[in-house]
């Protein structure tokens, strides 16, 4: 049969060096080749599935025992390169996870301690509308119960000053349902100022989160920590969006 016709191949320069002579004349059939390809494909699939399963288990194990969430990509690569998972086909033991996680965390700790760069200071927002608009905005926000701060301090929030140069703004607005601080509304407030030409646009969500957290506190003086769920979307705005849009109309001069 055609598929069983014997062929010849060469194994390259290794055939006569260290392996032995005659290997450069190995004969094989097309069926043999197809079987080898299928065998390799199955092994690759099995290894990939096993690896992904182990990495998932490691991730869960670390969260439970160390109360930290590692970077899945960074830690997985590091773990693969430094642990027995790179040297054996057997499953990784809990002891291995504990051992190598401790090493990983210690390595990260040393990187932080060895970092001699001074942290860059964070500046406040940049106001680009006229001064009278800032005064009106402050008055409306006070009247509607959004913030608690005097006009002078409110202006400093938008003067590109170091955050240490002004008192943090007290954000008052709470959700009507649970009486919890409405963080989604706070995010919308800053986002509307950007979108409608009152302040310069920020480079990213992470920068916006950082500036909001660094500039506002709650009525008890506690820090405001934002999470991904506090960012509103088109389908999940805060209950105060329409009122905020009325307070912050588009800046026609921008």
C-alpha atoms as a PDB file:
ATOM      1  CA  UNK A   1       0.000   0.000   0.000  1.00  0.00           C
ATOM      2  CA  UNK A   2       1.069   3.508  -0.641  1.00  0.00           C
ATOM      3  CA  UNK A   3       0.918   4.534   3.028  1.00  0.00           C
ATOM      4  CA  UNK A   4       3.184   1.677   4.018  1.00  0.00           C
ATOM      5  CA  UNK A   5       5.892   2.539   1.524  1.00  0.00           C
ATOM      6  CA  UNK A   6       9.172   2.863   3.373  1.00  0.00           C
ATOM      7  CA  UNK A   7      11.006   6.165   3.276  1.00  0.00           C
ATOM      8  CA  UNK A   8      14.375   7.296   4.472  1.00  0.00           C
ATOM      9  CA  UNK A   9      15.318  10.305   6.567  1.00  0.00           C
ATOM     10  CA  UNK A  10      18.402  11.722   8.215  1.00  0.00           C
ATOM     11  CA  UNK A  11      18.712  12.762  11.831  1.00  0.00           C
ATOM     12  CA  UNK A  12      21.186  15.510  11.139  1.00  0.00           C
ATOM     13  CA  UNK A  13      24.690  16.018  12.440  1.00  0.00           C
ATOM     14  CA  UNK A  14      23.995  14.063  15.627  1.00  0.00           C
ATOM     15  CA  UNK A  15      23.560  10.758  13.793  1.00  0.00           C
ATOM     16  CA  UNK A  16      27.295   9.968  13.682  1.00  0.00           C
ATOM     17  CA  UNK A  17      28.412  11.870  16.780  1.00  0.00           C
ATOM     18  CA  UNK A  18      27.632  10.476  20.184  1.00  0.00           C
ATOM     19  CA  UNK A  19      24.597   8.462  19.124  1.00  0.00           C
ATOM     20  CA  UNK A  20      26.165   5.892  16.895  1.00  0.00           C
ATOM     21  CA  UNK A  21      26.583   5.244  13.215  1.00  0.00           C
ATOM     22  CA  UNK A  22      23.817   4.110  10.953  1.00  0.00           C
ATOM     23  CA  UNK A  23      21.040   6.243  12.515  1.00  0.00           C
ATOM     24  CA  UNK A  24      21.011   8.521   9.528  1.00  0.00           C
ATOM     25  CA  UNK A  25      19.416   5.745   7.514  1.00  0.00           C
ATOM     26  CA  UNK A  26      16.368   5.022   9.721  1.00  0.00           C
ATOM     27  CA  UNK A  27      13.361   3.865   7.696  1.00  0.00           C
ATOM     28  CA  UNK A  28       9.768   4.722   8.533  1.00  0.00           C
ATOM     29  CA  UNK A  29       6.337   4.555   6.923  1.00  0.00           C
ATOM     30  CA  UNK A  30       3.741   7.319   6.553  1.00  0.00           C
ATOM     31  CA  UNK A  31       1.574   5.461   9.063  1.00  0.00           C
ATOM     32  CA  UNK A  32       4.439   5.571  11.564  1.00  0.00           C
ATOM     33  CA  UNK A  33       4.793   9.295  11.042  1.00  0.00           C
ATOM     34  CA  UNK A  34       1.051   9.890  11.504  1.00  0.00           C
ATOM     35  CA  UNK A  35       1.081   7.871  14.726  1.00  0.00           C
ATOM     36  CA  UNK A  36       3.995   9.888  16.054  1.00  0.00           C
ATOM     37  CA  UNK A  37       2.240  13.171  15.247  1.00  0.00           C
ATOM     38  CA  UNK A  38      -0.939  12.037  17.012  1.00  0.00           C
ATOM     39  CA  UNK A  39       1.038  10.824  20.018  1.00  0.00           C
ATOM     40  CA  UNK A  40       2.773  14.180  20.334  1.00  0.00           C
ATOM     41  CA  UNK A  41      -0.516  16.061  19.959  1.00  0.00           C
ATOM     42  CA  UNK A  42      -2.152  14.020  22.715  1.00  0.00           C
ATOM     43  CA  UNK A  43       0.833  14.487  25.010  1.00  0.00           C
ATOM     44  CA  UNK A  44       0.877  18.239  24.406  1.00  0.00           C
ATOM     45  CA  UNK A  45      -2.831  18.483  25.200  1.00  0.00           C
ATOM     46  CA  UNK A  46      -2.457  16.409  28.366  1.00  0.00           C
ATOM     47  CA  UNK A  47       0.566  18.376  29.576  1.00  0.00           C
ATOM     48  CA  UNK A  48      -1.168  21.705  28.930  1.00  0.00           C
ATOM     49  CA  UNK A  49      -4.294  20.609  30.806  1.00  0.00           C
ATOM     50  CA  UNK A  50      -2.219  19.279  33.698  1.00  0.00           C
ATOM     51  CA  UNK A  51      -0.168  22.464  33.899  1.00  0.00           C
ATOM     52  CA  UNK A  52      -3.245  24.747  33.850  1.00  0.00           C
ATOM     53  CA  UNK A  53      -4.886  22.609  36.549  1.00  0.00           C
ATOM     54  CA  UNK A  54      -1.822  22.817  38.775  1.00  0.00           C
ATOM     55  CA  UNK A  55      -1.428  26.568  38.318  1.00  0.00           C
ATOM     56  CA  UNK A  56      -5.107  27.087  39.186  1.00  0.00           C
ATOM     57  CA  UNK A  57      -4.741  24.989  42.330  1.00  0.00           C
ATOM     58  CA  UNK A  58      -1.596  26.868  43.315  1.00  0.00           C
ATOM     59  CA  UNK A  59      -3.394  30.191  42.897  1.00  0.00           C
ATOM     60  CA  UNK A  60      -6.286  29.108  45.146  1.00  0.00           C
ATOM     61  CA  UNK A  61      -3.888  27.628  47.695  1.00  0.00           C
ATOM     62  CA  UNK A  62      -1.886  30.858  47.983  1.00  0.00           C
ATOM     63  CA  UNK A  63      -4.980  33.032  48.379  1.00  0.00           C
ATOM     64  CA  UNK A  64      -6.249  30.786  51.184  1.00  0.00           C
ATOM     65  CA  UNK A  65      -2.987  30.311  53.095  1.00  0.00           C
ATOM     66  CA  UNK A  66      -1.162  33.605  52.521  1.00  0.00           C
ATOM     67  CA  UNK A  67      -4.071  36.016  52.129  1.00  0.00           C
ATOM     68  CA  UNK A  68      -2.494  37.479  49.012  1.00  0.00           C
ATOM     69  CA  UNK A  69      -3.410  37.411  45.343  1.00  0.00           C
ATOM     70  CA  UNK A  70      -0.322  36.832  43.186  1.00  0.00           C
ATOM     71  CA  UNK A  71       0.044  38.092  39.663  1.00  0.00           C
ATOM     72  CA  UNK A  72      -1.151  35.012  37.816  1.00  0.00           C
ATOM     73  CA  UNK A  73       1.155  35.562  34.860  1.00  0.00           C
ATOM     74  CA  UNK A  74       4.232  36.700  36.763  1.00  0.00           C
ATOM     75  CA  UNK A  75       3.990  34.115  39.519  1.00  0.00           C
ATOM     76  CA  UNK A  76       3.122  31.264  37.159  1.00  0.00           C
ATOM     77  CA  UNK A  77       6.192  31.934  35.032  1.00  0.00           C
ATOM     78  CA  UNK A  78       8.387  32.284  38.116  1.00  0.00           C
ATOM     79  CA  UNK A  79       6.978  29.112  39.685  1.00  0.00           C
ATOM     80  CA  UNK A  80       7.392  27.146  36.468  1.00  0.00           C
ATOM     81  CA  UNK A  81      11.018  28.211  36.111  1.00  0.00           C
ATOM     82  CA  UNK A  82      12.009  27.636  39.733  1.00  0.00           C
ATOM     83  CA  UNK A  83       9.953  24.708  41.033  1.00  0.00           C
ATOM     84  CA  UNK A  84       9.878  20.960  40.307  1.00  0.00           C
ATOM     85  CA  UNK A  85       6.985  21.469  37.883  1.00  0.00           C
ATOM     86  CA  UNK A  86       9.677  22.223  35.330  1.00  0.00           C
ATOM     87  CA  UNK A  87      11.579  19.029  36.112  1.00  0.00           C
ATOM     88  CA  UNK A  88       8.995  16.325  36.674  1.00  0.00           C
ATOM     89  CA  UNK A  89       5.655  15.198  35.342  1.00  0.00           C
ATOM     90  CA  UNK A  90       4.312  14.466  38.848  1.00  0.00           C
ATOM     91  CA  UNK A  91       1.844  16.720  40.610  1.00  0.00           C
ATOM     92  CA  UNK A  92       3.139  19.504  42.818  1.00  0.00           C
ATOM     93  CA  UNK A  93       2.735  18.909  46.547  1.00  0.00           C
ATOM     94  CA  UNK A  94       1.369  21.435  49.034  1.00  0.00           C
ATOM     95  CA  UNK A  95       4.826  21.544  50.621  1.00  0.00           C
ATOM     96  CA  UNK A  96       6.273  22.603  47.271  1.00  0.00           C
ATOM     97  CA  UNK A  97       3.730  25.407  46.995  1.00  0.00           C
ATOM     98  CA  UNK A  98       4.508  26.633  50.515  1.00  0.00           C
ATOM     99  CA  UNK A  99       8.242  26.471  49.909  1.00  0.00           C
ATOM    100  CA  UNK A 100       8.303  28.261  46.583  1.00  0.00           C
ATOM    101  CA  UNK A 101       5.646  30.812  47.504  1.00  0.00           C
ATOM    102  CA  UNK A 102       7.734  31.831  50.508  1.00  0.00           C
ATOM    103  CA  UNK A 103      10.758  32.189  48.226  1.00  0.00           C
ATOM    104  CA  UNK A 104       8.728  34.199  45.729  1.00  0.00           C
ATOM    105  CA  UNK A 105       7.402  36.592  48.390  1.00  0.00           C
ATOM    106  CA  UNK A 106      10.880  37.024  49.844  1.00  0.00           C
ATOM    107  CA  UNK A 107      12.221  37.835  46.391  1.00  0.00           C
ATOM    108  CA  UNK A 108       9.528  40.477  45.919  1.00  0.00           C
ATOM    109  CA  UNK A 109      10.291  41.903  49.361  1.00  0.00           C
ATOM    110  CA  UNK A 110      13.971  42.257  48.495  1.00  0.00           C
ATOM    111  CA  UNK A 111      13.116  44.018  45.246  1.00  0.00           C
ATOM    112  CA  UNK A 112      11.093  46.576  47.185  1.00  0.00           C
ATOM    113  CA  UNK A 113      13.839  47.078  49.792  1.00  0.00           C
ATOM    114  CA  UNK A 114      16.489  47.438  47.092  1.00  0.00           C
ATOM    115  CA  UNK A 115      14.515  50.009  45.153  1.00  0.00           C
ATOM    116  CA  UNK A 116      16.348  53.272  45.736  1.00  0.00           C
ATOM    117  CA  UNK A 117      14.036  55.404  43.585  1.00  0.00           C
ATOM    118  CA  UNK A 118      12.045  58.020  45.455  1.00  0.00           C
ATOM    119  CA  UNK A 119       8.292  57.796  44.892  1.00  0.00           C
ATOM    120  CA  UNK A 120       6.970  60.430  42.535  1.00  0.00           C
ATOM    121  CA  UNK A 121       4.708  62.991  44.217  1.00  0.00           C
ATOM    122  CA  UNK A 122       1.080  62.987  43.142  1.00  0.00           C
ATOM    123  CA  UNK A 123      -0.408  66.300  42.054  1.00  0.00           C
ATOM    124  CA  UNK A 124      -4.034  67.324  42.202  1.00  0.00           C
ATOM    125  CA  UNK A 125      -6.354  67.774  39.225  1.00  0.00           C
ATOM    126  CA  UNK A 126      -5.882  70.573  36.662  1.00  0.00           C
ATOM    127  CA  UNK A 127      -8.755  73.051  36.298  1.00  0.00           C
ATOM    128  CA  UNK A 128      -9.162  74.308  32.712  1.00  0.00           C
ATOM    129  CA  UNK A 129     -12.510  76.134  32.947  1.00  0.00           C
ATOM    130  CA  UNK A 130     -12.830  79.746  34.184  1.00  0.00           C
ATOM    131  CA  UNK A 131     -12.622  80.698  37.871  1.00  0.00           C
ATOM    132  CA  UNK A 132     -16.265  81.712  38.143  1.00  0.00           C
ATOM    133  CA  UNK A 133     -17.355  78.265  37.022  1.00  0.00           C
ATOM    134  CA  UNK A 134     -15.311  76.758  39.845  1.00  0.00           C
ATOM    135  CA  UNK A 135     -17.034  79.006  42.375  1.00  0.00           C
ATOM    136  CA  UNK A 136     -20.508  78.083  41.055  1.00  0.00           C
ATOM    137  CA  UNK A 137     -19.674  74.383  41.050  1.00  0.00           C
ATOM    138  CA  UNK A 138     -18.528  74.536  44.666  1.00  0.00           C
ATOM    139  CA  UNK A 139     -21.718  76.364  45.675  1.00  0.00           C
ATOM    140  CA  UNK A 140     -23.961  73.822  43.922  1.00  0.00           C
ATOM    141  CA  UNK A 141     -22.131  70.825  45.380  1.00  0.00           C
ATOM    142  CA  UNK A 142     -22.433  72.267  48.898  1.00  0.00           C
ATOM    143  CA  UNK A 143     -26.100  73.091  48.417  1.00  0.00           C
ATOM    144  CA  UNK A 144     -26.934  69.598  47.116  1.00  0.00           C
ATOM    145  CA  UNK A 145     -25.001  67.848  49.889  1.00  0.00           C
ATOM    146  CA  UNK A 146     -22.157  66.306  47.865  1.00  0.00           C
ATOM    147  CA  UNK A 147     -19.119  67.776  49.629  1.00  0.00           C
ATOM    148  CA  UNK A 148     -18.018  69.584  52.803  1.00  0.00           C
ATOM    149  CA  UNK A 149     -15.102  71.986  52.295  1.00  0.00           C
ATOM    150  CA  UNK A 150     -14.557  75.726  51.890  1.00  0.00           C
ATOM    151  CA  UNK A 151     -14.102  77.368  48.507  1.00  0.00           C
ATOM    152  CA  UNK A 152     -10.394  78.051  48.992  1.00  0.00           C
ATOM    153  CA  UNK A 153      -9.602  74.413  49.706  1.00  0.00           C
ATOM    154  CA  UNK A 154     -11.894  73.275  46.892  1.00  0.00           C
ATOM    155  CA  UNK A 155      -9.914  75.397  44.415  1.00  0.00           C
ATOM    156  CA  UNK A 156      -6.661  73.840  45.597  1.00  0.00           C
ATOM    157  CA  UNK A 157      -8.001  70.446  44.527  1.00  0.00           C
ATOM    158  CA  UNK A 158      -7.739  71.656  40.910  1.00  0.00           C
ATOM    159  CA  UNK A 159      -4.478  73.641  40.984  1.00  0.00           C
ATOM    160  CA  UNK A 160      -2.011  70.820  40.255  1.00  0.00           C
ATOM    161  CA  UNK A 161      -0.707  71.149  43.808  1.00  0.00           C
ATOM    162  CA  UNK A 162       0.958  68.339  45.738  1.00  0.00           C
ATOM    163  CA  UNK A 163      -1.803  66.531  47.612  1.00  0.00           C
ATOM    164  CA  UNK A 164      -0.115  67.399  50.898  1.00  0.00           C
ATOM    165  CA  UNK A 165      -0.810  71.104  50.271  1.00  0.00           C
ATOM    166  CA  UNK A 166      -4.574  70.958  50.889  1.00  0.00           C
ATOM    167  CA  UNK A 167      -7.079  69.211  53.119  1.00  0.00           C
ATOM    168  CA  UNK A 168      -8.837  66.226  51.636  1.00  0.00           C
ATOM    169  CA  UNK A 169     -12.368  66.932  50.476  1.00  0.00           C
ATOM    170  CA  UNK A 170     -15.152  65.319  52.515  1.00  0.00           C
ATOM    171  CA  UNK A 171     -17.500  63.374  50.212  1.00  0.00           C
ATOM    172  CA  UNK A 172     -20.978  63.138  51.741  1.00  0.00           C
ATOM    173  CA  UNK A 173     -23.279  61.532  49.198  1.00  0.00           C
ATOM    174  CA  UNK A 174     -24.710  58.208  50.340  1.00  0.00           C
ATOM    175  CA  UNK A 175     -26.812  55.580  48.574  1.00  0.00           C
ATOM    176  CA  UNK A 176     -30.487  55.912  49.444  1.00  0.00           C
ATOM    177  CA  UNK A 177     -30.910  52.139  49.818  1.00  0.00           C
ATOM    178  CA  UNK A 178     -28.158  51.151  52.238  1.00  0.00           C
ATOM    179  CA  UNK A 179     -26.944  54.566  53.462  1.00  0.00           C
ATOM    180  CA  UNK A 180     -23.391  53.627  52.482  1.00  0.00           C
ATOM    181  CA  UNK A 181     -21.028  56.135  50.898  1.00  0.00           C
ATOM    182  CA  UNK A 182     -21.833  56.327  47.182  1.00  0.00           C
ATOM    183  CA  UNK A 183     -18.406  55.805  45.651  1.00  0.00           C
ATOM    184  CA  UNK A 184     -19.809  55.285  42.166  1.00  0.00           C
ATOM    185  CA  UNK A 185     -21.242  58.796  42.315  1.00  0.00           C
ATOM    186  CA  UNK A 186     -17.837  60.186  43.362  1.00  0.00           C
ATOM    187  CA  UNK A 187     -16.210  58.503  40.365  1.00  0.00           C
ATOM    188  CA  UNK A 188     -18.921  59.944  38.081  1.00  0.00           C
ATOM    189  CA  UNK A 189     -18.281  63.419  39.507  1.00  0.00           C
ATOM    190  CA  UNK A 190     -14.612  63.390  38.463  1.00  0.00           C
ATOM    191  CA  UNK A 191     -15.364  61.661  35.169  1.00  0.00           C
ATOM    192  CA  UNK A 192     -17.982  64.286  34.241  1.00  0.00           C
ATOM    193  CA  UNK A 193     -15.538  67.090  35.034  1.00  0.00           C
ATOM    194  CA  UNK A 194     -13.153  65.509  32.546  1.00  0.00           C
ATOM    195  CA  UNK A 195     -15.707  64.752  29.855  1.00  0.00           C
ATOM    196  CA  UNK A 196     -17.377  68.164  30.001  1.00  0.00           C
ATOM    197  CA  UNK A 197     -14.274  70.325  29.853  1.00  0.00           C
ATOM    198  CA  UNK A 198     -13.708  71.387  33.469  1.00  0.00           C
ATOM    199  CA  UNK A 199     -10.464  69.557  34.231  1.00  0.00           C
ATOM    200  CA  UNK A 200      -7.737  67.995  32.118  1.00  0.00           C
ATOM    201  CA  UNK A 201      -8.351  64.367  31.161  1.00  0.00           C
ATOM    202  CA  UNK A 202      -6.414  61.759  33.060  1.00  0.00           C
ATOM    203  CA  UNK A 203      -4.310  59.131  31.350  1.00  0.00           C
ATOM    204  CA  UNK A 204      -6.011  56.026  32.731  1.00  0.00           C
ATOM    205  CA  UNK A 205      -8.565  54.559  35.126  1.00  0.00           C
ATOM    206  CA  UNK A 206      -5.774  53.642  37.533  1.00  0.00           C
ATOM    207  CA  UNK A 207      -4.600  57.274  37.684  1.00  0.00           C
ATOM    208  CA  UNK A 208      -8.192  58.420  38.238  1.00  0.00           C
ATOM    209  CA  UNK A 209      -8.669  55.883  41.032  1.00  0.00           C
ATOM    210  CA  UNK A 210      -5.421  56.949  42.697  1.00  0.00           C
ATOM    211  CA  UNK A 211      -6.219  60.674  42.569  1.00  0.00           C
ATOM    212  CA  UNK A 212      -9.756  60.205  43.888  1.00  0.00           C
ATOM    213  CA  UNK A 213      -8.535  58.050  46.777  1.00  0.00           C
ATOM    214  CA  UNK A 214      -5.805  60.590  47.563  1.00  0.00           C
ATOM    215  CA  UNK A 215      -8.121  63.631  47.419  1.00  0.00           C
ATOM    216  CA  UNK A 216     -11.320  62.583  49.217  1.00  0.00           C
ATOM    217  CA  UNK A 217     -12.320  61.186  52.626  1.00  0.00           C
ATOM    218  CA  UNK A 218     -15.658  60.216  54.153  1.00  0.00           C
ATOM    219  CA  UNK A 219     -17.507  62.190  56.851  1.00  0.00           C
ATOM    220  CA  UNK A 220     -15.663  60.267  59.578  1.00  0.00           C
ATOM    221  CA  UNK A 221     -12.284  61.231  58.144  1.00  0.00           C
ATOM    222  CA  UNK A 222     -11.543  57.741  56.841  1.00  0.00           C
ATOM    223  CA  UNK A 223      -9.895  57.060  53.500  1.00  0.00           C
ATOM    224  CA  UNK A 224     -12.060  56.173  50.532  1.00  0.00           C
ATOM    225  CA  UNK A 225     -10.924  52.990  48.787  1.00  0.00           C
ATOM    226  CA  UNK A 226     -12.270  52.386  45.305  1.00  0.00           C
ATOM    227  CA  UNK A 227     -12.741  48.980  43.710  1.00  0.00           C
ATOM    228  CA  UNK A 228     -13.462  47.982  40.123  1.00  0.00           C
ATOM    229  CA  UNK A 229     -17.173  47.742  40.926  1.00  0.00           C
ATOM    230  CA  UNK A 230     -17.223  51.427  41.915  1.00  0.00           C
ATOM    231  CA  UNK A 231     -16.603  52.450  38.327  1.00  0.00           C
ATOM    232  CA  UNK A 232     -20.003  53.129  36.723  1.00  0.00           C
ATOM    233  CA  UNK A 233     -20.892  51.942  33.246  1.00  0.00           C
ATOM    234  CA  UNK A 234     -23.499  53.049  30.743  1.00  0.00           C
ATOM    235  CA  UNK A 235     -25.841  50.342  32.012  1.00  0.00           C
ATOM    236  CA  UNK A 236     -24.993  50.727  35.703  1.00  0.00           C
ATOM    237  CA  UNK A 237     -24.795  54.445  36.542  1.00  0.00           C
ATOM    238  CA  UNK A 238     -25.201  55.781  40.057  1.00  0.00           C
ATOM    239  CA  UNK A 239     -28.614  56.978  41.198  1.00  0.00           C
ATOM    240  CA  UNK A 240     -27.288  60.569  41.162  1.00  0.00           C
ATOM    241  CA  UNK A 241     -26.021  60.708  37.577  1.00  0.00           C
ATOM    242  CA  UNK A 242     -28.829  62.899  36.199  1.00  0.00           C
ATOM    243  CA  UNK A 243     -28.491  65.343  39.090  1.00  0.00           C
ATOM    244  CA  UNK A 244     -24.738  65.512  38.605  1.00  0.00           C
ATOM    245  CA  UNK A 245     -25.161  66.166  34.891  1.00  0.00           C
ATOM    246  CA  UNK A 246     -27.431  69.101  35.764  1.00  0.00           C
ATOM    247  CA  UNK A 247     -24.816  70.504  38.154  1.00  0.00           C
ATOM    248  CA  UNK A 248     -22.025  69.953  35.611  1.00  0.00           C
ATOM    249  CA  UNK A 249     -23.268  71.131  32.188  1.00  0.00           C
ATOM    250  CA  UNK A 250     -20.900  71.098  29.227  1.00  0.00           C
ATOM    251  CA  UNK A 251     -18.319  73.871  29.373  1.00  0.00           C
ATOM    252  CA  UNK A 252     -19.084  75.861  26.234  1.00  0.00           C
ATOM    253  CA  UNK A 253     -15.771  77.723  26.384  1.00  0.00           C
ATOM    254  CA  UNK A 254     -13.752  74.527  26.216  1.00  0.00           C
END
